[in-house]
Amino acid sequence: MSDHVYKIVELVGSSETGIEDAIQTAVARAGQTLRNLRWFEVVQTRGHIEDGKVRHYQVLLKAGFTLEAGE
């Protein structure tokens, strides 16, 4: 079994429909430029209220990806 080394980045995803969609949005967008994404952790959850109703959900994620040889 080889050892794994991870680099961690912070991401903020947002959605008008819910927390899970905000997570999916952040992970999908990060996957466009980061290779080898392996895990995420939700650090904060927050939202935007307008006229007494929830309008946007936001999540702060830590995402880990494995480093390639030479990085």
N, C-alpha and C. Protein backbone atom coordinates (compact mmCIF):
# COMPACT_ATOMS: atom_id res chain seq x y z
N MET A 1 0.84 -1.19 0.00
CA MET A 1 0.00 0.00 0.00
C MET A 1 0.88 1.24 0.00
N SER A 2 0.61 2.16 -0.91
CA SER A 2 1.42 3.37 -0.97
C SER A 2 0.88 4.42 -0.01
N ASP A 3 1.76 5.30 0.41
CA ASP A 3 1.35 6.41 1.27
C ASP A 3 0.67 7.47 0.42
N HIS A 4 -0.29 8.15 1.00
CA HIS A 4 -0.99 9.21 0.30
C HIS A 4 -0.70 10.54 0.97
N VAL A 5 -0.46 11.54 0.16
CA VAL A 5 -0.28 12.91 0.64
C VAL A 5 -1.36 13.73 -0.04
N TYR A 6 -2.06 14.52 0.75
CA TYR A 6 -3.16 15.31 0.23
C TYR A 6 -2.86 16.79 0.36
N LYS A 7 -3.30 17.56 -0.60
CA LYS A 7 -3.31 19.01 -0.49
C LYS A 7 -4.76 19.39 -0.23
N ILE A 8 -4.97 20.41 0.61
CA ILE A 8 -6.31 20.83 0.99
C ILE A 8 -6.57 22.24 0.47
N VAL A 9 -7.74 22.43 -0.13
CA VAL A 9 -8.17 23.74 -0.59
C VAL A 9 -9.52 24.05 0.04
N GLU A 10 -9.83 25.33 0.18
CA GLU A 10 -11.16 25.75 0.67
C GLU A 10 -11.99 26.21 -0.52
N LEU A 11 -13.25 25.82 -0.52
CA LEU A 11 -14.19 26.16 -1.58
C LEU A 11 -15.47 26.68 -0.95
N VAL A 12 -16.15 27.56 -1.62
CA VAL A 12 -17.48 27.99 -1.19
C VAL A 12 -18.42 27.73 -2.36
N GLY A 13 -19.44 26.91 -2.10
CA GLY A 13 -20.46 26.64 -3.11
C GLY A 13 -21.76 27.31 -2.69
N SER A 14 -22.55 27.72 -3.67
CA SER A 14 -23.83 28.34 -3.35
C SER A 14 -24.92 27.78 -4.25
N SER A 15 -26.15 27.86 -3.77
CA SER A 15 -27.28 27.35 -4.52
C SER A 15 -28.55 28.01 -4.03
N GLU A 16 -29.51 28.15 -4.91
CA GLU A 16 -30.83 28.65 -4.51
C GLU A 16 -31.72 27.51 -4.04
N THR A 17 -31.33 26.27 -4.30
CA THR A 17 -32.22 25.14 -4.02
C THR A 17 -31.89 24.37 -2.75
N GLY A 18 -30.64 24.37 -2.31
CA GLY A 18 -30.34 23.63 -1.08
C GLY A 18 -28.86 23.42 -0.83
N ILE A 19 -28.58 22.89 0.34
CA ILE A 19 -27.20 22.66 0.79
C ILE A 19 -26.51 21.61 -0.07
N GLU A 20 -27.21 20.51 -0.35
CA GLU A 20 -26.60 19.45 -1.16
C GLU A 20 -26.23 19.96 -2.55
N ASP A 21 -27.07 20.78 -3.14
CA ASP A 21 -26.77 21.34 -4.45
C ASP A 21 -25.57 22.29 -4.37
N ALA A 22 -25.46 23.03 -3.28
CA ALA A 22 -24.30 23.91 -3.10
C ALA A 22 -23.01 23.11 -3.02
N ILE A 23 -23.06 21.96 -2.34
CA ILE A 23 -21.89 21.07 -2.26
C ILE A 23 -21.54 20.55 -3.65
N GLN A 24 -22.54 20.05 -4.35
CA GLN A 24 -22.31 19.50 -5.70
C GLN A 24 -21.73 20.56 -6.63
N THR A 25 -22.24 21.78 -6.54
CA THR A 25 -21.74 22.88 -7.37
C THR A 25 -20.26 23.14 -7.10
N ALA A 26 -19.88 23.21 -5.83
CA ALA A 26 -18.48 23.48 -5.48
C ALA A 26 -17.56 22.36 -5.94
N VAL A 27 -17.96 21.11 -5.71
CA VAL A 27 -17.12 19.97 -6.08
C VAL A 27 -17.01 19.87 -7.61
N ALA A 28 -18.12 20.05 -8.31
CA ALA A 28 -18.09 19.96 -9.78
C ALA A 28 -17.19 21.03 -10.38
N ARG A 29 -17.30 22.25 -9.87
CA ARG A 29 -16.48 23.34 -10.41
C ARG A 29 -15.01 23.12 -10.10
N ALA A 30 -14.70 22.69 -8.89
CA ALA A 30 -13.30 22.42 -8.52
C ALA A 30 -12.73 21.30 -9.39
N GLY A 31 -13.56 20.32 -9.71
CA GLY A 31 -13.11 19.20 -10.53
C GLY A 31 -12.74 19.59 -11.95
N GLN A 32 -13.14 20.77 -12.39
CA GLN A 32 -12.77 21.25 -13.72
C GLN A 32 -11.30 21.67 -13.80
N THR A 33 -10.72 22.04 -12.65
CA THR A 33 -9.33 22.50 -12.66
C THR A 33 -8.41 21.72 -11.73
N LEU A 34 -8.96 20.97 -10.79
CA LEU A 34 -8.15 20.18 -9.87
C LEU A 34 -8.29 18.70 -10.21
N ARG A 35 -7.17 18.01 -10.29
CA ARG A 35 -7.20 16.57 -10.53
C ARG A 35 -7.12 15.83 -9.20
N ASN A 36 -7.59 14.62 -9.20
CA ASN A 36 -7.45 13.69 -8.07
C ASN A 36 -8.18 14.14 -6.81
N LEU A 37 -9.32 14.82 -6.95
CA LEU A 37 -10.13 15.15 -5.77
C LEU A 37 -10.56 13.85 -5.10
N ARG A 38 -10.43 13.77 -3.79
CA ARG A 38 -10.71 12.51 -3.08
C ARG A 38 -11.76 12.63 -1.99
N TRP A 39 -11.85 13.79 -1.33
CA TRP A 39 -12.78 13.91 -0.21
C TRP A 39 -13.12 15.39 0.02
N PHE A 40 -14.17 15.59 0.80
CA PHE A 40 -14.52 16.95 1.21
C PHE A 40 -15.08 16.90 2.63
N GLU A 41 -15.03 18.05 3.28
CA GLU A 41 -15.57 18.22 4.62
C GLU A 41 -16.33 19.55 4.64
N VAL A 42 -17.58 19.53 5.09
CA VAL A 42 -18.34 20.77 5.22
C VAL A 42 -17.91 21.45 6.52
N VAL A 43 -17.40 22.65 6.41
CA VAL A 43 -16.88 23.39 7.55
C VAL A 43 -17.92 24.37 8.10
N GLN A 44 -18.64 25.03 7.18
CA GLN A 44 -19.67 26.00 7.58
C GLN A 44 -20.86 25.88 6.64
N THR A 45 -22.00 26.16 7.19
CA THR A 45 -23.22 26.27 6.39
C THR A 45 -23.87 27.60 6.74
N ARG A 46 -24.26 28.34 5.73
CA ARG A 46 -24.92 29.63 5.97
C ARG A 46 -25.85 29.93 4.80
N GLY A 47 -26.60 30.98 4.93
CA GLY A 47 -27.53 31.32 3.87
C GLY A 47 -27.86 32.80 3.85
N HIS A 48 -28.61 33.16 2.85
CA HIS A 48 -29.03 34.54 2.64
C HIS A 48 -30.56 34.59 2.76
N ILE A 49 -31.04 35.51 3.57
CA ILE A 49 -32.48 35.67 3.79
C ILE A 49 -32.93 36.96 3.13
N GLU A 50 -34.04 36.87 2.42
CA GLU A 50 -34.61 38.04 1.75
C GLU A 50 -36.13 37.99 1.92
N ASP A 51 -36.70 39.06 2.41
CA ASP A 51 -38.15 39.14 2.64
C ASP A 51 -38.65 38.00 3.52
N GLY A 52 -37.84 37.64 4.52
CA GLY A 52 -38.23 36.61 5.47
C GLY A 52 -38.13 35.19 4.95
N LYS A 53 -37.53 34.99 3.77
CA LYS A 53 -37.40 33.65 3.19
C LYS A 53 -35.96 33.36 2.82
N VAL A 54 -35.59 32.10 2.91
CA VAL A 54 -34.24 31.69 2.50
C VAL A 54 -34.14 31.78 0.99
N ARG A 55 -33.15 32.53 0.50
CA ARG A 55 -32.97 32.72 -0.94
C ARG A 55 -31.75 31.98 -1.49
N HIS A 56 -30.70 31.88 -0.69
CA HIS A 56 -29.49 31.19 -1.13
C HIS A 56 -28.90 30.40 0.04
N TYR A 57 -28.32 29.27 -0.29
CA TYR A 57 -27.58 28.47 0.67
C TYR A 57 -26.11 28.55 0.29
N GLN A 58 -25.23 28.60 1.27
CA GLN A 58 -23.79 28.59 1.04
C GLN A 58 -23.15 27.56 1.94
N VAL A 59 -22.15 26.87 1.41
CA VAL A 59 -21.36 25.95 2.22
C VAL A 59 -19.88 26.24 1.99
N LEU A 60 -19.13 26.23 3.08
CA LEU A 60 -17.68 26.32 3.01
C LEU A 60 -17.16 24.90 3.16
N LEU A 61 -16.40 24.46 2.17
CA LEU A 61 -15.85 23.10 2.16
C LEU A 61 -14.35 23.13 2.23
N LYS A 62 -13.77 22.12 2.84
CA LYS A 62 -12.37 21.79 2.65
C LYS A 62 -12.37 20.56 1.77
N ALA A 63 -11.61 20.62 0.69
CA ALA A 63 -11.53 19.50 -0.23
C ALA A 63 -10.07 19.06 -0.32
N GLY A 64 -9.89 17.75 -0.35
CA GLY A 64 -8.54 17.19 -0.43
C GLY A 64 -8.33 16.48 -1.75
N PHE A 65 -7.14 16.65 -2.30
CA PHE A 65 -6.77 15.92 -3.50
C PHE A 65 -5.35 15.39 -3.36
N THR A 66 -5.10 14.25 -4.00
CA THR A 66 -3.78 13.64 -3.91
C THR A 66 -2.83 14.36 -4.85
N LEU A 67 -1.59 14.47 -4.40
CA LEU A 67 -0.56 15.09 -5.20
C LEU A 67 0.02 14.08 -6.18
N GLU A 68 0.34 14.56 -7.36
CA GLU A 68 0.99 13.71 -8.35
C GLU A 68 2.49 13.73 -8.11
N ALA A 69 3.18 12.76 -8.67
CA ALA A 69 4.64 12.69 -8.52
C ALA A 69 5.27 14.00 -8.98
N GLY A 70 6.19 14.50 -8.21
CA GLY A 70 6.90 15.73 -8.56
C GLY A 70 6.25 17.00 -8.08
N GLU A 71 5.08 16.89 -7.46
CA GLU A 71 4.41 18.10 -6.95
C GLU A 71 4.83 18.38 -5.53
